[in-house]
Protein backbone atom coordinates (compact mmCIF):
# COMPACT_ATOMS: atom_id res chain seq x y z
CA MET A 1 -5.57 -37.05 66.59
CA LYS A 2 -8.37 -36.02 64.40
CA ALA A 3 -11.49 -34.34 65.23
CA VAL A 4 -14.60 -33.08 63.40
CA GLN A 5 -15.18 -29.20 64.13
CA ILE A 6 -18.27 -26.97 63.60
CA THR A 7 -16.52 -23.67 62.92
CA GLU A 8 -19.24 -21.28 62.51
CA PRO A 9 -22.42 -22.61 60.97
CA GLU A 10 -22.64 -24.61 57.83
CA GLN A 11 -18.89 -25.18 58.05
CA LEU A 12 -17.46 -28.25 59.21
CA ARG A 13 -14.19 -29.49 58.70
CA VAL A 14 -11.86 -32.54 60.07
CA ILE A 15 -8.62 -31.02 62.09
CA ASP A 16 -5.79 -32.16 63.87
CA MET A 17 -5.46 -31.68 67.61
CA GLU A 18 -3.45 -32.82 70.52
CA MET A 19 -3.91 -35.92 72.45
CA PRO A 20 -5.93 -34.86 75.56
CA ARG A 21 -3.75 -35.80 78.91
CA VAL A 22 -5.20 -36.93 82.04
CA ASN A 23 -4.74 -34.69 85.29
CA GLU A 24 -6.22 -34.76 88.67
CA THR A 25 -9.39 -33.59 87.35
CA ASP A 26 -10.04 -35.07 84.08
CA ASN A 27 -8.65 -38.31 85.40
CA VAL A 28 -9.91 -40.69 82.74
CA LEU A 29 -9.01 -41.09 79.17
CA VAL A 30 -11.75 -42.66 76.96
CA LYS A 31 -10.89 -43.72 73.39
CA MET A 32 -14.46 -43.12 71.16
CA LYS A 33 -16.16 -45.82 69.47
CA ALA A 34 -19.45 -44.16 68.97
CA VAL A 35 -21.26 -40.84 68.70
CA GLY A 36 -24.75 -39.75 67.94
CA LEU A 37 -26.22 -37.57 65.83
CA CYS A 38 -28.61 -35.69 67.66
CA GLY A 39 -31.40 -32.47 66.67
CA SER A 40 -29.12 -30.13 68.48
CA ASP A 41 -26.01 -30.71 66.57
CA VAL A 42 -28.15 -30.31 63.35
CA GLY A 43 -28.92 -26.97 65.36
CA ILE A 44 -25.24 -26.14 66.11
CA TYR A 45 -24.29 -26.99 62.06
CA HIS A 46 -27.31 -24.72 60.94
CA GLY A 47 -26.53 -21.97 63.50
CA THR A 48 -30.24 -22.65 65.11
CA ASN A 49 -29.16 -23.69 68.43
CA ALA A 50 -29.08 -20.80 70.35
CA ALA A 51 -26.93 -22.49 73.31
CA ALA A 52 -24.01 -23.53 71.03
CA THR A 53 -20.30 -21.62 70.77
CA TYR A 54 -18.01 -21.48 68.16
CA PRO A 55 -15.55 -23.33 67.03
CA ARG A 56 -17.08 -26.48 68.54
CA ILE A 57 -16.31 -29.92 68.25
CA PHE A 58 -19.65 -31.32 68.30
CA GLY A 59 -20.80 -34.52 70.08
CA HIS A 60 -22.68 -35.07 73.57
CA GLU A 61 -24.13 -38.79 72.76
CA ILE A 62 -20.33 -40.36 73.40
CA VAL A 63 -19.24 -43.91 74.03
CA GLY A 64 -16.09 -45.32 73.94
CA GLU A 65 -13.35 -47.65 75.90
CA VAL A 66 -11.30 -46.44 78.63
CA VAL A 67 -7.64 -46.63 77.94
CA GLU A 68 -5.79 -44.78 80.66
CA THR A 69 -6.61 -43.47 84.06
CA ALA A 70 -4.73 -41.10 86.37
CA PRO A 71 -3.48 -42.03 90.01
CA GLY A 72 -6.33 -42.13 92.08
CA ALA A 73 -9.22 -43.26 89.87
CA GLN A 74 -11.28 -45.77 91.20
CA LYS A 75 -14.69 -45.83 89.51
CA VAL A 76 -13.45 -47.43 86.09
CA LYS A 77 -10.40 -49.05 84.84
CA VAL A 78 -8.67 -49.66 81.59
CA GLY A 79 -11.11 -51.84 79.55
CA ASP A 80 -14.37 -50.54 80.60
CA ARG A 81 -16.51 -49.85 78.10
CA VAL A 82 -18.40 -46.31 79.24
CA ILE A 83 -21.00 -43.80 78.22
CA ILE A 84 -20.35 -40.32 79.39
CA ASP A 85 -22.68 -37.60 80.79
CA GLN A 86 -22.46 -34.78 78.95
CA VAL A 87 -23.38 -32.18 81.53
CA VAL A 88 -20.77 -30.37 83.82
CA SER A 89 -22.15 -27.68 86.23
CA CYS A 90 -20.88 -25.74 89.04
CA GLY A 91 -22.33 -27.27 91.99
CA HIS A 92 -23.14 -24.37 93.94
CA CYS A 93 -25.83 -21.66 92.21
CA TYR A 94 -29.78 -21.89 93.14
CA ALA A 95 -30.54 -24.55 90.57
CA CYS A 96 -27.72 -26.77 91.74
CA ARG A 97 -28.47 -26.48 95.24
CA LYS A 98 -32.23 -27.25 94.59
CA GLY A 99 -30.33 -30.62 92.75
CA ARG A 100 -31.26 -29.66 89.18
CA PRO A 101 -27.57 -29.30 88.14
CA ASN A 102 -28.91 -29.72 84.51
CA VAL A 103 -30.20 -26.24 84.27
CA CYS A 104 -26.93 -24.81 86.46
CA ARG A 105 -26.60 -21.09 85.83
CA ASP A 106 -23.21 -21.70 84.37
CA VAL A 107 -24.09 -25.18 82.60
CA LYS A 108 -21.45 -26.52 80.31
CA VAL A 109 -22.55 -29.05 78.11
CA ARG A 110 -19.94 -31.28 76.01
CA GLY A 111 -20.31 -30.84 72.46
CA VAL A 112 -22.38 -27.25 72.67
CA HIS A 113 -20.48 -25.29 75.58
CA ILE A 114 -17.33 -27.29 75.60
CA ASP A 115 -15.80 -29.78 72.99
CA GLY A 116 -17.34 -33.14 72.87
CA GLY A 117 -16.96 -36.34 71.42
CA MET A 118 -16.52 -36.22 67.82
CA ARG A 119 -12.66 -36.89 68.13
CA GLU A 120 -10.48 -40.04 68.30
CA TYR A 121 -9.96 -39.38 72.60
CA ILE A 122 -11.42 -37.29 75.14
CA ALA A 123 -10.58 -36.74 79.05
CA VAL A 124 -13.26 -36.35 81.43
CA PRO A 125 -13.47 -37.00 85.09
CA GLU A 126 -14.10 -40.71 86.11
CA LYS A 127 -17.83 -39.23 87.93
CA ASP A 128 -19.02 -38.66 84.54
CA CYS A 129 -18.02 -42.17 83.22
CA TYR A 130 -21.07 -44.95 83.56
CA LEU A 131 -20.46 -48.86 82.75
CA LEU A 132 -22.33 -50.00 79.41
CA PRO A 133 -24.39 -53.35 79.97
CA GLU A 134 -22.52 -56.28 78.40
CA GLY A 135 -23.14 -57.31 75.05
CA LEU A 136 -24.57 -53.92 74.01
CA ARG A 137 -23.04 -52.61 71.00
CA TYR A 138 -21.51 -49.21 70.97
CA GLU A 139 -23.51 -47.65 68.13
CA ASP A 140 -26.84 -48.59 69.69
CA ALA A 141 -25.34 -47.51 73.31
CA VAL A 142 -25.40 -43.85 72.27
CA LEU A 143 -29.29 -44.39 72.55
CA ILE A 144 -28.83 -44.21 76.35
CA GLU A 145 -28.21 -40.68 76.30
CA PRO A 146 -31.58 -39.64 74.48
CA THR A 147 -33.32 -42.30 76.87
CA THR A 148 -32.04 -40.09 79.75
CA ILE A 149 -33.61 -37.02 77.98
CA ALA A 150 -37.00 -39.01 77.97
CA ILE A 151 -36.77 -40.02 81.45
CA GLN A 152 -36.15 -36.32 82.31
CA ALA A 153 -39.04 -35.05 80.32
CA CYS A 154 -41.45 -37.79 81.68
CA SER A 155 -40.03 -37.05 85.36
CA ARG A 156 -40.85 -33.41 84.78
CA ALA A 157 -44.32 -33.97 83.53
CA GLN A 158 -44.92 -36.26 86.62
CA LEU A 159 -46.01 -38.91 84.36
CA THR A 160 -48.60 -41.37 85.80
CA LYS A 161 -50.62 -44.27 84.61
CA GLU A 162 -54.23 -42.20 84.49
CA ASP A 163 -52.65 -39.94 82.08
CA GLU A 164 -53.68 -40.13 78.24
CA VAL A 165 -50.49 -38.91 76.61
CA LEU A 166 -49.90 -37.40 73.29
CA ILE A 167 -46.00 -37.65 71.80
CA LEU A 168 -46.05 -35.27 68.94
CA ALA A 169 -43.27 -36.54 66.41
CA SER A 170 -41.74 -40.09 66.44
CA GLY A 171 -38.14 -39.53 65.44
CA ALA A 172 -35.12 -40.23 67.00
CA LEU A 173 -36.32 -38.22 70.23
CA GLY A 174 -40.06 -39.30 69.96
CA SER A 175 -39.00 -43.03 69.86
CA ARG A 176 -36.97 -42.82 72.96
CA MET A 177 -39.99 -40.83 74.64
CA LEU A 178 -42.15 -43.55 73.96
CA SER A 179 -39.99 -46.25 75.13
CA ILE A 180 -40.23 -44.38 78.38
CA ALA A 181 -43.50 -43.42 78.54
CA ARG A 182 -45.37 -46.50 77.75
CA LEU A 183 -43.69 -47.93 80.96
CA SER A 184 -46.20 -45.84 83.18
CA GLY A 185 -48.84 -47.54 81.76
CA ALA A 186 -50.40 -44.58 80.49
CA ARG A 187 -52.62 -44.74 77.47
CA ILE A 188 -50.16 -43.17 74.68
CA ILE A 189 -50.97 -41.65 71.40
CA VAL A 190 -48.16 -40.52 68.45
CA ALA A 191 -48.92 -38.36 66.17
CA ASP A 192 -46.36 -37.73 63.03
CA LEU A 193 -46.42 -37.14 59.12
CA VAL A 194 -44.32 -40.49 58.25
CA GLU A 195 -46.60 -43.57 57.97
CA GLU A 196 -43.64 -45.72 58.44
CA LYS A 197 -42.51 -44.42 61.88
CA LEU A 198 -46.33 -44.55 63.10
CA LYS A 199 -46.41 -48.21 62.02
CA ASP A 200 -42.73 -48.38 63.85
CA ALA A 201 -44.60 -47.03 66.83
CA LEU A 202 -47.69 -49.20 67.14
CA LYS A 203 -44.99 -52.06 66.92
CA ASN A 204 -43.28 -50.38 70.11
CA GLY A 205 -45.96 -50.02 72.35
CA ALA A 206 -48.10 -46.87 71.02
CA ASP A 207 -51.80 -47.47 71.73
CA ALA A 208 -52.85 -45.15 68.61
CA VAL A 209 -51.51 -42.85 66.24
CA VAL A 210 -52.37 -40.18 64.12
CA ASN A 211 -50.97 -38.90 60.54
CA ILE A 212 -51.29 -35.36 60.99
CA GLU A 213 -50.60 -35.29 57.08
CA ARG A 214 -53.49 -36.67 56.41
CA GLU A 215 -55.71 -36.37 59.69
CA ASP A 216 -56.91 -33.29 61.86
CA LEU A 217 -55.03 -33.76 65.15
CA PHE A 218 -57.44 -31.77 67.49
CA SER A 219 -60.45 -34.14 65.63
CA ARG A 220 -58.43 -37.00 66.58
CA MET A 221 -58.00 -36.16 69.92
CA LYS A 222 -61.44 -35.95 70.61
CA GLU A 223 -62.07 -39.31 68.70
CA LEU A 224 -59.04 -41.15 70.63
CA THR A 225 -59.43 -39.58 74.32
CA THR A 226 -61.97 -40.57 77.19
CA GLU A 227 -64.81 -38.64 76.95
CA GLY A 228 -63.16 -36.30 73.88
CA TYR A 229 -61.29 -34.94 76.80
CA GLY A 230 -57.88 -34.20 75.05
CA PRO A 231 -54.46 -35.22 76.01
CA THR A 232 -53.87 -34.87 79.93
CA LEU A 233 -50.31 -34.71 78.74
CA SER A 234 -48.79 -33.55 75.31
CA ILE A 235 -44.96 -33.53 75.03
CA ASP A 236 -43.79 -31.97 72.15
CA CYS A 237 -40.50 -33.84 69.90
CA ALA A 238 -40.92 -31.99 67.03
CA CYS A 239 -40.05 -28.50 68.32
CA ALA A 240 -41.11 -26.80 65.46
CA LYS A 241 -41.92 -23.41 65.37
CA THR A 242 -46.22 -24.22 65.30
CA SER A 243 -45.82 -27.12 67.64
CA LEU A 244 -46.36 -25.33 70.89
CA MET A 245 -49.16 -23.75 69.89
CA THR A 246 -50.56 -27.19 68.47
CA LEU A 247 -50.21 -28.80 71.64
CA LEU A 248 -52.03 -25.64 73.61
CA LYS A 249 -54.90 -26.11 71.68
CA VAL A 250 -55.30 -29.91 71.82
CA THR A 251 -54.39 -30.75 75.47
CA GLY A 252 -57.12 -30.92 78.05
CA ASN A 253 -58.23 -28.59 80.78
CA ALA A 254 -55.79 -29.05 83.70
CA GLY A 255 -53.20 -30.91 81.62
CA ARG A 256 -49.39 -30.45 81.00
CA VAL A 257 -47.75 -29.38 78.11
CA MET A 258 -43.64 -30.34 77.73
CA THR A 259 -41.46 -27.99 75.45
CA MET A 260 -37.90 -29.44 74.89
CA GLY A 261 -37.35 -27.06 71.87
CA PHE A 262 -34.27 -24.69 71.65
CA SER A 263 -35.23 -22.51 68.70
CA VAL A 264 -35.16 -18.81 69.45
CA ASP A 265 -37.44 -17.61 66.58
CA PRO A 266 -40.71 -16.32 67.92
CA THR A 267 -43.33 -19.01 68.49
CA GLU A 268 -47.09 -17.80 68.64
CA VAL A 269 -48.56 -18.55 72.05
CA ASN A 270 -52.30 -17.96 72.79
CA GLN A 271 -52.56 -17.03 76.73
CA PHE A 272 -56.15 -17.59 76.56
CA LEU A 273 -55.31 -21.32 76.05
CA ILE A 274 -53.08 -21.32 78.97
CA THR A 275 -55.21 -19.33 81.12
CA SER A 276 -58.51 -20.88 80.47
CA LYS A 277 -57.82 -24.42 80.67
CA GLU A 278 -55.01 -23.82 83.55
CA LEU A 279 -52.41 -25.58 81.27
CA ASP A 280 -48.86 -26.20 82.88
CA VAL A 281 -46.18 -25.59 80.44
CA ARG A 282 -42.62 -27.11 81.66
CA GLY A 283 -39.67 -26.89 80.13
CA SER A 284 -37.33 -29.80 79.90
CA ARG A 285 -33.63 -29.79 79.52
CA LEU A 286 -31.12 -32.57 79.09
CA GLN A 287 -31.05 -34.94 81.87
CA ASN A 288 -30.68 -34.33 85.58
CA ARG A 289 -28.69 -37.35 86.72
CA LYS A 290 -30.78 -39.99 84.81
CA PHE A 291 -28.01 -42.08 83.38
CA GLY A 292 -28.06 -44.94 86.42
CA GLU A 293 -31.86 -44.81 85.82
CA ALA A 294 -31.63 -45.14 81.82
CA LEU A 295 -28.77 -48.00 82.46
CA GLU A 296 -30.90 -50.20 84.98
CA LEU A 297 -33.77 -50.30 82.80
CA VAL A 298 -31.76 -51.87 79.67
CA ARG A 299 -29.92 -54.08 82.17
CA GLU A 300 -33.69 -55.07 83.05
CA GLY A 301 -34.65 -55.39 79.28
CA LYS A 302 -37.62 -52.89 80.10
CA VAL A 303 -35.68 -50.83 77.54
CA ASP A 304 -33.95 -52.40 74.25
CA LEU A 305 -31.77 -50.64 72.38
CA ASP A 306 -30.61 -53.03 69.85
CA HIS A 307 -30.40 -52.19 66.09
CA LYS A 308 -32.24 -49.21 66.28
CA ILE A 309 -29.61 -47.35 64.20
CA SER A 310 -30.57 -46.78 60.50
CA HIS A 311 -27.33 -45.21 59.56
CA THR A 312 -23.63 -45.07 60.19
CA TRP A 313 -20.96 -42.88 59.22
CA HIS A 314 -17.45 -42.98 59.73
CA PHE A 315 -16.90 -39.68 62.22
CA THR A 316 -14.37 -38.48 59.18
CA GLU A 317 -17.81 -38.57 57.15
CA ALA A 318 -19.66 -36.15 59.18
CA GLN A 319 -20.29 -34.12 56.30
CA LYS A 320 -21.91 -36.72 54.14
CA ALA A 321 -23.96 -37.27 57.30
CA PHE A 322 -25.23 -33.86 57.88
CA ASP A 323 -26.08 -33.68 54.21
CA PHE A 324 -27.88 -37.10 54.19
CA ASN A 325 -29.85 -35.53 57.39
CA ASP A 326 -31.01 -32.63 55.60
CA THR A 327 -32.85 -34.59 53.23
CA HIS A 328 -35.06 -35.88 55.91
CA ASP A 329 -35.18 -38.95 53.86
CA PRO A 330 -38.11 -40.98 55.49
CA SER A 331 -35.72 -44.10 56.21
CA ILE A 332 -33.68 -41.91 58.45
CA ARG A 333 -34.16 -43.18 62.52
CA LYS A 334 -30.90 -42.28 64.21
CA ILE A 335 -27.42 -41.70 62.75
CA VAL A 336 -24.46 -42.90 64.31
CA PHE A 337 -20.70 -42.03 63.85
CA THR A 338 -18.17 -44.56 64.04
CA PHE A 339 -14.60 -44.43 64.75
CA GLU A 340 -12.97 -47.86 63.52
CA GLU A 341 -11.27 -47.82 60.13
């Protein structure tokens, strides 16, 4: 079968590899149907994802069809359409015992630490398979995984309807964050550089937007929050070198700042801003068993995934997709790889 492997930073190739076989542990064989391109995949390609190891078959937003099960598999059957949990944890370290397997001491993420979904078939444990809602296209279903990331971040942030929330950046992650944050009833402000993305944010439930290329974010936060207090919760979906410091400056006293970036480059942080305002700066990584919650929101119609994909490529044309993504074309919302000829 064919697979796409990043052999080292900036080096990608289509390879041939053996078909996986089901066994007692990996007891479900899934034929890939679609894989999403995530910012962390881009980081693996460019060598800026500190968690990645090489060579690596990337892809952690992975959906497909069950084509074989081993004896003893009970949760899924041949023909089921599934999305696969990307997190593999040890189950016994401190984090796992505390119910946080997403930050297991020895966490393995499909597509990052172990091979992921950019291949024609993958064998996984049935416990990691979740059934897709009827009628949801495979291409759209890849957005369930970034939706779980948003659910995790909002959970870590302890978001409530009393909050005034700033979401910095409205790309694929930021738009998913908006889809979850708005369910809380909180007032939500979205900031981005691209006007079209801000227009989309307003259509999708943002109460206000800020174009940070043309407007001063600090001044606008004074105007847009109650009594000029500033956001009580700021979520960094830009994960750029300066974004954490930006959010420390604009967030109001006793607020929370969520960081989700994976760069290891030094980032400027002002201790006075954190201490004087007694800010909580919290990391949010992956998701902690949030697939069930995300799927229920989709089934209830509270989260809309339909036709949010902007571009698709056949998985063997991955290089073209990465090259196009690097142009930062303003039309890019979400890129998905497909597997049908």
